[in-house]
Amino acid sequence: NNRKFNLIISPTANLRVSIDTILKYNLKEGLVLSESDL
């Protein structure tokens, strides 16, 4: 599914999101997320 992605989040959490979510929140490798962001 090329519209779905796995976010590998430190230390051990993984999160599956859509391309729409990635674009809306400008998600990228190295981005630091707070609990409220998540």
ModelCIF file with pLDDT and N, C-alpha, C, O atoms, coordinates in Angstrom:
data_MODEL
#
_entry.id   MODEL 
#
_entity.id                         1 
_entity.type                       polymer 
_entity.pdbx_number_of_molecules   1 
#
_entity_poly.entity_id                      1 
_entity_poly.type                           'polypeptide(L)' 
_entity_poly.nstd_linkage                   no 
_entity_poly.nstd_monomer                   no 
_entity_poly.pdbx_seq_one_letter_code       NNRKFNLIISPTANLRVSIDTILKYNLKEGLVLSESDL 
_entity_poly.pdbx_seq_one_letter_code_can   NNRKFNLIISPTANLRVSIDTILKYNLKEGLVLSESDL 
_entity_poly.pdbx_strand_id                 A 
#
loop_
_entity_poly_seq.entity_id 
_entity_poly_seq.num 
_entity_poly_seq.mon_id 
_entity_poly_seq.hetero 
1 1  ASN n 
1 2  ASN n 
1 3  ARG n 
1 4  LYS n 
1 5  PHE n 
1 6  ASN n 
1 7  LEU n 
1 8  ILE n 
1 9  ILE n 
1 10 SER n 
1 11 PRO n 
1 12 THR n 
1 13 ALA n 
1 14 ASN n 
1 15 LEU n 
1 16 ARG n 
1 17 VAL n 
1 18 SER n 
1 19 ILE n 
1 20 ASP n 
1 21 THR n 
1 22 ILE n 
1 23 LEU n 
1 24 LYS n 
1 25 TYR n 
1 26 ASN n 
1 27 LEU n 
1 28 LYS n 
1 29 GLU n 
1 30 GLY n 
1 31 LEU n 
1 32 VAL n 
1 33 LEU n 
1 34 SER n 
1 35 GLU n 
1 36 SER n 
1 37 ASP n 
1 38 LEU n 
#
_struct_asym.id          A 
_struct_asym.entity_id   1 
#
loop_
_ma_qa_metric.id 
_ma_qa_metric.mode 
_ma_qa_metric.name 
_ma_qa_metric.software_group_id 
_ma_qa_metric.type 
1 global pLDDT . pLDDT 
2 local  pLDDT . pLDDT 
#
_ma_qa_metric_global.metric_id      1 
_ma_qa_metric_global.metric_value   90.16 
_ma_qa_metric_global.model_id       1 
_ma_qa_metric_global.ordinal_id     1 
#
loop_
_ma_qa_metric_local.label_asym_id 
_ma_qa_metric_local.label_comp_id 
_ma_qa_metric_local.label_seq_id 
_ma_qa_metric_local.metric_id 
_ma_qa_metric_local.metric_value 
_ma_qa_metric_local.model_id 
_ma_qa_metric_local.ordinal_id 
A ASN 1  2 87.00 1 1  
A ASN 2  2 86.00 1 2  
A ARG 3  2 89.00 1 3  
A LYS 4  2 93.00 1 4  
A PHE 5  2 95.00 1 5  
A ASN 6  2 93.00 1 6  
A LEU 7  2 94.00 1 7  
A ILE 8  2 92.00 1 8  
A ILE 9  2 89.00 1 9  
A SER 10 2 72.00 1 10 
A PRO 11 2 64.00 1 11 
A THR 12 2 68.00 1 12 
A ALA 13 2 74.00 1 13 
A ASN 14 2 87.00 1 14 
A LEU 15 2 91.00 1 15 
A ARG 16 2 92.00 1 16 
A VAL 17 2 95.00 1 17 
A SER 18 2 93.00 1 18 
A ILE 19 2 94.00 1 19 
A ASP 20 2 93.00 1 20 
A THR 21 2 95.00 1 21 
A ILE 22 2 96.00 1 22 
A LEU 23 2 96.00 1 23 
A LYS 24 2 96.00 1 24 
A TYR 25 2 96.00 1 25 
A ASN 26 2 96.00 1 26 
A LEU 27 2 96.00 1 27 
A LYS 28 2 95.00 1 28 
A GLU 29 2 94.00 1 29 
A GLY 30 2 93.00 1 30 
A LEU 31 2 94.00 1 31 
A VAL 32 2 91.00 1 32 
A LEU 33 2 91.00 1 33 
A SER 34 2 90.00 1 34 
A GLU 35 2 89.00 1 35 
A SER 36 2 93.00 1 36 
A ASP 37 2 93.00 1 37 
A LEU 38 2 91.00 1 38 
#
loop_
_atom_site.group_PDB 
_atom_site.id 
_atom_site.type_symbol 
_atom_site.label_atom_id 
_atom_site.label_alt_id 
_atom_site.label_comp_id 
_atom_site.label_asym_id 
_atom_site.label_entity_id 
_atom_site.label_seq_id 
_atom_site.pdbx_PDB_ins_code 
_atom_site.Cartn_x 
_atom_site.Cartn_y 
_atom_site.Cartn_z 
_atom_site.occupancy 
_atom_site.B_iso_or_equiv 
_atom_site.pdbx_formal_charge 
_atom_site.auth_seq_id 
_atom_site.auth_comp_id 
_atom_site.auth_asym_id 
_atom_site.auth_atom_id 
_atom_site.pdbx_PDB_model_num 
ATOM 1   N N  . ASN A 1 1  ? 0.854  -1.184 0.000  1.00 87.00 ? 1  ASN A N  1 
ATOM 2   C CA . ASN A 1 1  ? 0.000  0.000  0.000  1.00 87.00 ? 1  ASN A CA 1 
ATOM 3   C C  . ASN A 1 1  ? 0.888  1.231  0.000  1.00 87.00 ? 1  ASN A C  1 
ATOM 4   O O  . ASN A 1 1  ? 1.440  1.601  1.036  1.00 87.00 ? 1  ASN A O  1 
ATOM 5   N N  . ASN A 1 2  ? 1.030  1.867  -1.156 1.00 86.00 ? 2  ASN A N  1 
ATOM 6   C CA . ASN A 1 2  ? 1.950  3.001  -1.266 1.00 86.00 ? 2  ASN A CA 1 
ATOM 7   C C  . ASN A 1 2  ? 1.411  4.272  -0.630 1.00 86.00 ? 2  ASN A C  1 
ATOM 8   O O  . ASN A 1 2  ? 2.069  5.312  -0.665 1.00 86.00 ? 2  ASN A O  1 
ATOM 9   N N  . ARG A 1 3  ? 0.202  4.196  -0.039 1.00 89.00 ? 3  ARG A N  1 
ATOM 10  C CA . ARG A 1 3  ? -0.335 5.363  0.679  1.00 89.00 ? 3  ARG A CA 1 
ATOM 11  C C  . ARG A 1 3  ? -0.202 5.226  2.197  1.00 89.00 ? 3  ARG A C  1 
ATOM 12  O O  . ARG A 1 3  ? -0.622 6.107  2.948  1.00 89.00 ? 3  ARG A O  1 
ATOM 13  N N  . LYS A 1 4  ? 0.383  4.121  2.635  1.00 93.00 ? 4  LYS A N  1 
ATOM 14  C CA . LYS A 1 4  ? 0.573  3.884  4.063  1.00 93.00 ? 4  LYS A CA 1 
ATOM 15  C C  . LYS A 1 4  ? 2.057  3.756  4.394  1.00 93.00 ? 4  LYS A C  1 
ATOM 16  O O  . LYS A 1 4  ? 2.845  3.220  3.615  1.00 93.00 ? 4  LYS A O  1 
ATOM 17  N N  . PHE A 1 5  ? 2.418  4.270  5.588  1.00 95.00 ? 5  PHE A N  1 
ATOM 18  C CA . PHE A 1 5  ? 3.819  4.257  6.007  1.00 95.00 ? 5  PHE A CA 1 
ATOM 19  C C  . PHE A 1 5  ? 3.926  3.853  7.474  1.00 95.00 ? 5  PHE A C  1 
ATOM 20  O O  . PHE A 1 5  ? 3.029  4.116  8.275  1.00 95.00 ? 5  PHE A O  1 
ATOM 21  N N  . ASN A 1 6  ? 5.050  3.206  7.809  1.00 93.00 ? 6  ASN A N  1 
ATOM 22  C CA . ASN A 1 6  ? 5.366  2.918  9.203  1.00 93.00 ? 6  ASN A CA 1 
ATOM 23  C C  . ASN A 1 6  ? 6.336  3.969  9.713  1.00 93.00 ? 6  ASN A C  1 
ATOM 24  O O  . ASN A 1 6  ? 7.408  4.173  9.143  1.00 93.00 ? 6  ASN A O  1 
ATOM 25  N N  . LEU A 1 7  ? 5.946  4.635  10.797 1.00 94.00 ? 7  LEU A N  1 
ATOM 26  C CA . LEU A 1 7  ? 6.869  5.551  11.471 1.00 94.00 ? 7  LEU A CA 1 
ATOM 27  C C  . LEU A 1 7  ? 7.599  4.755  12.543 1.00 94.00 ? 7  LEU A C  1 
ATOM 28  O O  . LEU A 1 7  ? 6.964  4.192  13.434 1.00 94.00 ? 7  LEU A O  1 
ATOM 29  N N  . ILE A 1 8  ? 8.932  4.701  12.468 1.00 92.00 ? 8  ILE A N  1 
ATOM 30  C CA . ILE A 1 8  ? 9.737  4.039  13.491 1.00 92.00 ? 8  ILE A CA 1 
ATOM 31  C C  . ILE A 1 8  ? 10.132 5.114  14.487 1.00 92.00 ? 8  ILE A C  1 
ATOM 32  O O  . ILE A 1 8  ? 10.951 5.984  14.191 1.00 92.00 ? 8  ILE A O  1 
ATOM 33  N N  . ILE A 1 9  ? 9.539  5.045  15.671 1.00 89.00 ? 9  ILE A N  1 
ATOM 34  C CA . ILE A 1 9  ? 9.703  6.100  16.670 1.00 89.00 ? 9  ILE A CA 1 
ATOM 35  C C  . ILE A 1 9  ? 10.508 5.570  17.857 1.00 89.00 ? 9  ILE A C  1 
ATOM 36  O O  . ILE A 1 9  ? 10.223 4.480  18.352 1.00 89.00 ? 9  ILE A O  1 
ATOM 37  N N  . SER A 1 10 ? 11.509 6.324  18.322 1.00 72.00 ? 10 SER A N  1 
ATOM 38  C CA . SER A 1 10 ? 12.321 5.899  19.465 1.00 72.00 ? 10 SER A CA 1 
ATOM 39  C C  . SER A 1 10 ? 11.489 5.964  20.741 1.00 72.00 ? 10 SER A C  1 
ATOM 40  O O  . SER A 1 10 ? 10.564 6.770  20.829 1.00 72.00 ? 10 SER A O  1 
ATOM 41  N N  . PRO A 1 11 ? 11.800 5.136  21.722 1.00 64.00 ? 11 PRO A N  1 
ATOM 42  C CA . PRO A 1 11 ? 12.823 4.089  21.653 1.00 64.00 ? 11 PRO A CA 1 
ATOM 43  C C  . PRO A 1 11 ? 12.346 2.811  20.960 1.00 64.00 ? 11 PRO A C  1 
ATOM 44  O O  . PRO A 1 11 ? 13.145 2.158  20.289 1.00 64.00 ? 11 PRO A O  1 
ATOM 45  N N  . THR A 1 12 ? 11.065 2.431  21.100 1.00 68.00 ? 12 THR A N  1 
ATOM 46  C CA . THR A 1 12 ? 10.622 1.153  20.528 1.00 68.00 ? 12 THR A CA 1 
ATOM 47  C C  . THR A 1 12 ? 9.294  1.227  19.790 1.00 68.00 ? 12 THR A C  1 
ATOM 48  O O  . THR A 1 12 ? 8.868  0.231  19.206 1.00 68.00 ? 12 THR A O  1 
ATOM 49  N N  . ALA A 1 13 ? 8.641  2.356  19.797 1.00 74.00 ? 13 ALA A N  1 
ATOM 50  C CA . ALA A 1 13 ? 7.282  2.459  19.256 1.00 74.00 ? 13 ALA A CA 1 
ATOM 51  C C  . ALA A 1 13 ? 7.269  2.590  17.736 1.00 74.00 ? 13 ALA A C  1 
ATOM 52  O O  . ALA A 1 13 ? 8.110  3.265  17.141 1.00 74.00 ? 13 ALA A O  1 
ATOM 53  N N  . ASN A 1 14 ? 6.277  1.914  17.120 1.00 87.00 ? 14 ASN A N  1 
ATOM 54  C CA . ASN A 1 14 ? 6.010  2.046  15.684 1.00 87.00 ? 14 ASN A CA 1 
ATOM 55  C C  . ASN A 1 14 ? 4.599  2.581  15.502 1.00 87.00 ? 14 ASN A C  1 
ATOM 56  O O  . ASN A 1 14 ? 3.709  2.284  16.300 1.00 87.00 ? 14 ASN A O  1 
ATOM 57  N N  . LEU A 1 15 ? 4.394  3.364  14.462 1.00 91.00 ? 15 LEU A N  1 
ATOM 58  C CA . LEU A 1 15 ? 3.070  3.940  14.207 1.00 91.00 ? 15 LEU A CA 1 
ATOM 59  C C  . LEU A 1 15 ? 2.808  3.912  12.706 1.00 91.00 ? 15 LEU A C  1 
ATOM 60  O O  . LEU A 1 15 ? 3.624  4.402  11.926 1.00 91.00 ? 15 LEU A O  1 
ATOM 61  N N  . ARG A 1 16 ? 1.677  3.343  12.297 1.00 92.00 ? 16 ARG A N  1 
ATOM 62  C CA . ARG A 1 16 ? 1.316  3.294  10.883 1.00 92.00 ? 16 ARG A CA 1 
ATOM 63  C C  . ARG A 1 16 ? 0.392  4.457  10.558 1.00 92.00 ? 16 ARG A C  1 
ATOM 64  O O  . ARG A 1 16 ? -0.640 4.638  11.205 1.00 92.00 ? 16 ARG A O  1 
ATOM 65  N N  . VAL A 1 17 ? 0.767  5.251  9.545  1.00 95.00 ? 17 VAL A N  1 
ATOM 66  C CA . VAL A 1 17 ? -0.025 6.428  9.176  1.00 95.00 ? 17 VAL A CA 1 
ATOM 67  C C  . VAL A 1 17 ? -0.165 6.499  7.658  1.00 95.00 ? 17 VAL A C  1 
ATOM 68  O O  . VAL A 1 17 ? 0.543  5.817  6.918  1.00 95.00 ? 17 VAL A O  1 
ATOM 69  N N  . SER A 1 18 ? -1.098 7.344  7.214  1.00 93.00 ? 18 SER A N  1 
ATOM 70  C CA . SER A 1 18 ? -1.325 7.526  5.778  1.00 93.00 ? 18 SER A CA 1 
ATOM 71  C C  . SER A 1 18 ? -0.458 8.656  5.245  1.00 93.00 ? 18 SER A C  1 
ATOM 72  O O  . SER A 1 18 ? 0.117  9.428  6.013  1.00 93.00 ? 18 SER A O  1 
ATOM 73  N N  . ILE A 1 19 ? -0.369 8.744  3.925  1.00 94.00 ? 19 ILE A N  1 
ATOM 74  C CA . ILE A 1 19 ? 0.378  9.821  3.284  1.00 94.00 ? 19 ILE A CA 1 
ATOM 75  C C  . ILE A 1 19 ? -0.239 11.176 3.611  1.00 94.00 ? 19 ILE A C  1 
ATOM 76  O O  . ILE A 1 19 ? 0.468  12.179 3.706  1.00 94.00 ? 19 ILE A O  1 
ATOM 77  N N  . ASP A 1 20 ? -1.574 11.203 3.785  1.00 93.00 ? 20 ASP A N  1 
ATOM 78  C CA . ASP A 1 20 ? -2.251 12.464 4.139  1.00 93.00 ? 20 ASP A CA 1 
ATOM 79  C C  . ASP A 1 20 ? -1.778 12.985 5.491  1.00 93.00 ? 20 ASP A C  1 
ATOM 80  O O  . ASP A 1 20 ? -1.606 14.191 5.673  1.00 93.00 ? 20 ASP A O  1 
ATOM 81  N N  . THR A 1 21 ? -1.570 12.076 6.434  1.00 95.00 ? 21 THR A N  1 
ATOM 82  C CA . THR A 1 21 ? -1.098 12.467 7.767  1.00 95.00 ? 21 THR A CA 1 
ATOM 83  C C  . THR A 1 21 ? 0.343  12.977 7.695  1.00 95.00 ? 21 THR A C  1 
ATOM 84  O O  . THR A 1 21 ? 0.690  13.964 8.345  1.00 95.00 ? 21 THR A O  1 
ATOM 85  N N  . ILE A 1 22 ? 1.165  12.313 6.918  1.00 96.00 ? 22 ILE A N  1 
ATOM 86  C CA . ILE A 1 22 ? 2.560  12.738 6.760  1.00 96.00 ? 22 ILE A CA 1 
ATOM 87  C C  . ILE A 1 22 ? 2.634  14.138 6.171  1.00 96.00 ? 22 ILE A C  1 
ATOM 88  O O  . ILE A 1 22 ? 3.424  14.968 6.620  1.00 96.00 ? 22 ILE A O  1 
ATOM 89  N N  . LEU A 1 23 ? 1.810  14.396 5.165  1.00 96.00 ? 23 LEU A N  1 
ATOM 90  C CA . LEU A 1 23 ? 1.824  15.713 4.524  1.00 96.00 ? 23 LEU A CA 1 
ATOM 91  C C  . LEU A 1 23 ? 1.260  16.795 5.441  1.00 96.00 ? 23 LEU A C  1 
ATOM 92  O O  . LEU A 1 23 ? 1.790  17.904 5.504  1.00 96.00 ? 23 LEU A O  1 
ATOM 93  N N  . LYS A 1 24 ? 0.177  16.463 6.155  1.00 96.00 ? 24 LYS A N  1 
ATOM 94  C CA . LYS A 1 24 ? -0.441 17.470 7.029  1.00 96.00 ? 24 LYS A CA 1 
ATOM 95  C C  . LYS A 1 24 ? 0.509  17.920 8.139  1.00 96.00 ? 24 LYS A C  1 
ATOM 96  O O  . LYS A 1 24 ? 0.596  19.109 8.444  1.00 96.00 ? 24 LYS A O  1 
ATOM 97  N N  . TYR A 1 25 ? 1.219  16.964 8.739  1.00 96.00 ? 25 TYR A N  1 
ATOM 98  C CA . TYR A 1 25 ? 2.088  17.287 9.880  1.00 96.00 ? 25 TYR A CA 1 
ATOM 99  C C  . TYR A 1 25 ? 3.561  17.400 9.488  1.00 96.00 ? 25 TYR A C  1 
ATOM 100 O O  . TYR A 1 25 ? 4.435  17.535 10.344 1.00 96.00 ? 25 TYR A O  1 
ATOM 101 N N  . ASN A 1 26 ? 3.825  17.342 8.168  1.00 96.00 ? 26 ASN A N  1 
ATOM 102 C CA . ASN A 1 26 ? 5.199  17.486 7.666  1.00 96.00 ? 26 ASN A CA 1 
ATOM 103 C C  . ASN A 1 26 ? 6.164  16.540 8.402  1.00 96.00 ? 26 ASN A C  1 
ATOM 104 O O  . ASN A 1 26 ? 7.238  16.940 8.852  1.00 96.00 ? 26 ASN A O  1 
ATOM 105 N N  . LEU A 1 27 ? 5.742  15.290 8.505  1.00 96.00 ? 27 LEU A N  1 
ATOM 106 C CA . LEU A 1 27 ? 6.544  14.311 9.232  1.00 96.00 ? 27 LEU A CA 1 
ATOM 107 C C  . LEU A 1 27 ? 7.773  13.909 8.410  1.00 96.00 ? 27 LEU A C  1 
ATOM 108 O O  . LEU A 1 27 ? 7.696  13.712 7.197  1.00 96.00 ? 27 LEU A O  1 
ATOM 109 N N  . LYS A 1 28 ? 8.903  13.795 9.106  1.00 95.00 ? 28 LYS A N  1 
ATOM 110 C CA . LYS A 1 28 ? 10.155 13.405 8.444  1.00 95.00 ? 28 LYS A CA 1 
ATOM 111 C C  . LYS A 1 28 ? 11.110 12.816 9.467  1.00 95.00 ? 28 LYS A C  1 
ATOM 112 O O  . LYS A 1 28 ? 10.944 13.002 10.672 1.00 95.00 ? 28 LYS A O  1 
ATOM 113 N N  . GLU A 1 29 ? 12.100 12.111 8.976  1.00 94.00 ? 29 GLU A N  1 
ATOM 114 C CA . GLU A 1 29 ? 13.078 11.484 9.868  1.00 94.00 ? 29 GLU A CA 1 
ATOM 115 C C  . GLU A 1 29 ? 13.813 12.541 10.677 1.00 94.00 ? 29 GLU A C  1 
ATOM 116 O O  . GLU A 1 29 ? 14.217 13.577 10.150 1.00 94.00 ? 29 GLU A O  1 
ATOM 117 N N  . GLY A 1 30 ? 13.978 12.265 11.962 1.00 93.00 ? 30 GLY A N  1 
ATOM 118 C CA . GLY A 1 30 ? 14.661 13.198 12.850 1.00 93.00 ? 30 GLY A CA 1 
ATOM 119 C C  . GLY A 1 30 ? 13.738 14.173 13.560 1.00 93.00 ? 30 GLY A C  1 
ATOM 120 O O  . GLY A 1 30 ? 14.168 14.884 14.468 1.00 93.00 ? 30 GLY A O  1 
ATOM 121 N N  . LEU A 1 31 ? 12.480 14.216 13.159 1.00 94.00 ? 31 LEU A N  1 
ATOM 122 C CA . LEU A 1 31 ? 11.529 15.140 13.782 1.00 94.00 ? 31 LEU A CA 1 
ATOM 123 C C  . LEU A 1 31 ? 11.206 14.675 15.194 1.00 94.00 ? 31 LEU A C  1 
ATOM 124 O O  . LEU A 1 31 ? 10.929 13.496 15.414 1.00 94.00 ? 31 LEU A O  1 
ATOM 125 N N  . VAL A 1 32 ? 11.241 15.595 16.149 1.00 91.00 ? 32 VAL A N  1 
ATOM 126 C CA . VAL A 1 32 ? 10.937 15.294 17.543 1.00 91.00 ? 32 VAL A CA 1 
ATOM 127 C C  . VAL A 1 32 ? 9.466  15.608 17.812 1.00 91.00 ? 32 VAL A C  1 
ATOM 128 O O  . VAL A 1 32 ? 8.987  16.704 17.522 1.00 91.00 ? 32 VAL A O  1 
ATOM 129 N N  . LEU A 1 33 ? 8.765  14.629 18.371 1.00 91.00 ? 33 LEU A N  1 
ATOM 130 C CA . LEU A 1 33 ? 7.338  14.770 18.629 1.00 91.00 ? 33 LEU A CA 1 
ATOM 131 C C  . LEU A 1 33 ? 7.054  14.733 20.127 1.00 91.00 ? 33 LEU A C  1 
ATOM 132 O O  . LEU A 1 33 ? 7.596  13.900 20.852 1.00 91.00 ? 33 LEU A O  1 
ATOM 133 N N  . SER A 1 34 ? 6.204  15.640 20.576 1.00 90.00 ? 34 SER A N  1 
ATOM 134 C CA . SER A 1 34 ? 5.749  15.611 21.964 1.00 90.00 ? 34 SER A CA 1 
ATOM 135 C C  . SER A 1 34 ? 4.588  14.635 22.081 1.00 90.00 ? 34 SER A C  1 
ATOM 136 O O  . SER A 1 34 ? 4.087  14.136 21.073 1.00 90.00 ? 34 SER A O  1 
ATOM 137 N N  . GLU A 1 35 ? 4.161  14.365 23.306 1.00 89.00 ? 35 GLU A N  1 
ATOM 138 C CA . GLU A 1 35 ? 3.006  13.480 23.509 1.00 89.00 ? 35 GLU A CA 1 
ATOM 139 C C  . GLU A 1 35 ? 1.755  14.067 22.865 1.00 89.00 ? 35 GLU A C  1 
ATOM 140 O O  . GLU A 1 35 ? 0.952  13.342 22.279 1.00 89.00 ? 35 GLU A O  1 
ATOM 141 N N  . SER A 1 36 ? 1.596  15.386 22.977 1.00 93.00 ? 36 SER A N  1 
ATOM 142 C CA . SER A 1 36 ? 0.411  16.013 22.371 1.00 93.00 ? 36 SER A CA 1 
ATOM 143 C C  . SER A 1 36 ? 0.469  15.947 20.846 1.00 93.00 ? 36 SER A C  1 
ATOM 144 O O  . SER A 1 36 ? -0.559 15.805 20.183 1.00 93.00 ? 36 SER A O  1 
ATOM 145 N N  . ASP A 1 37 ? 1.689  16.053 20.294 1.00 93.00 ? 37 ASP A N  1 
ATOM 146 C CA . ASP A 1 37 ? 1.849  15.886 18.844 1.00 93.00 ? 37 ASP A CA 1 
ATOM 147 C C  . ASP A 1 37 ? 1.380  14.507 18.417 1.00 93.00 ? 37 ASP A C  1 
ATOM 148 O O  . ASP A 1 37 ? 0.628  14.370 17.453 1.00 93.00 ? 37 ASP A O  1 
ATOM 149 N N  . LEU A 1 38 ? 1.827  13.481 19.138 1.00 91.00 ? 38 LEU A N  1 
ATOM 150 C CA . LEU A 1 38 ? 1.474  12.104 18.813 1.00 91.00 ? 38 LEU A CA 1 
ATOM 151 C C  . LEU A 1 38 ? -0.033 11.882 18.907 1.00 91.00 ? 38 LEU A C  1 
ATOM 152 O O  . LEU A 1 38 ? -0.510 10.774 18.665 1.00 91.00 ? 38 LEU A O  1 
#
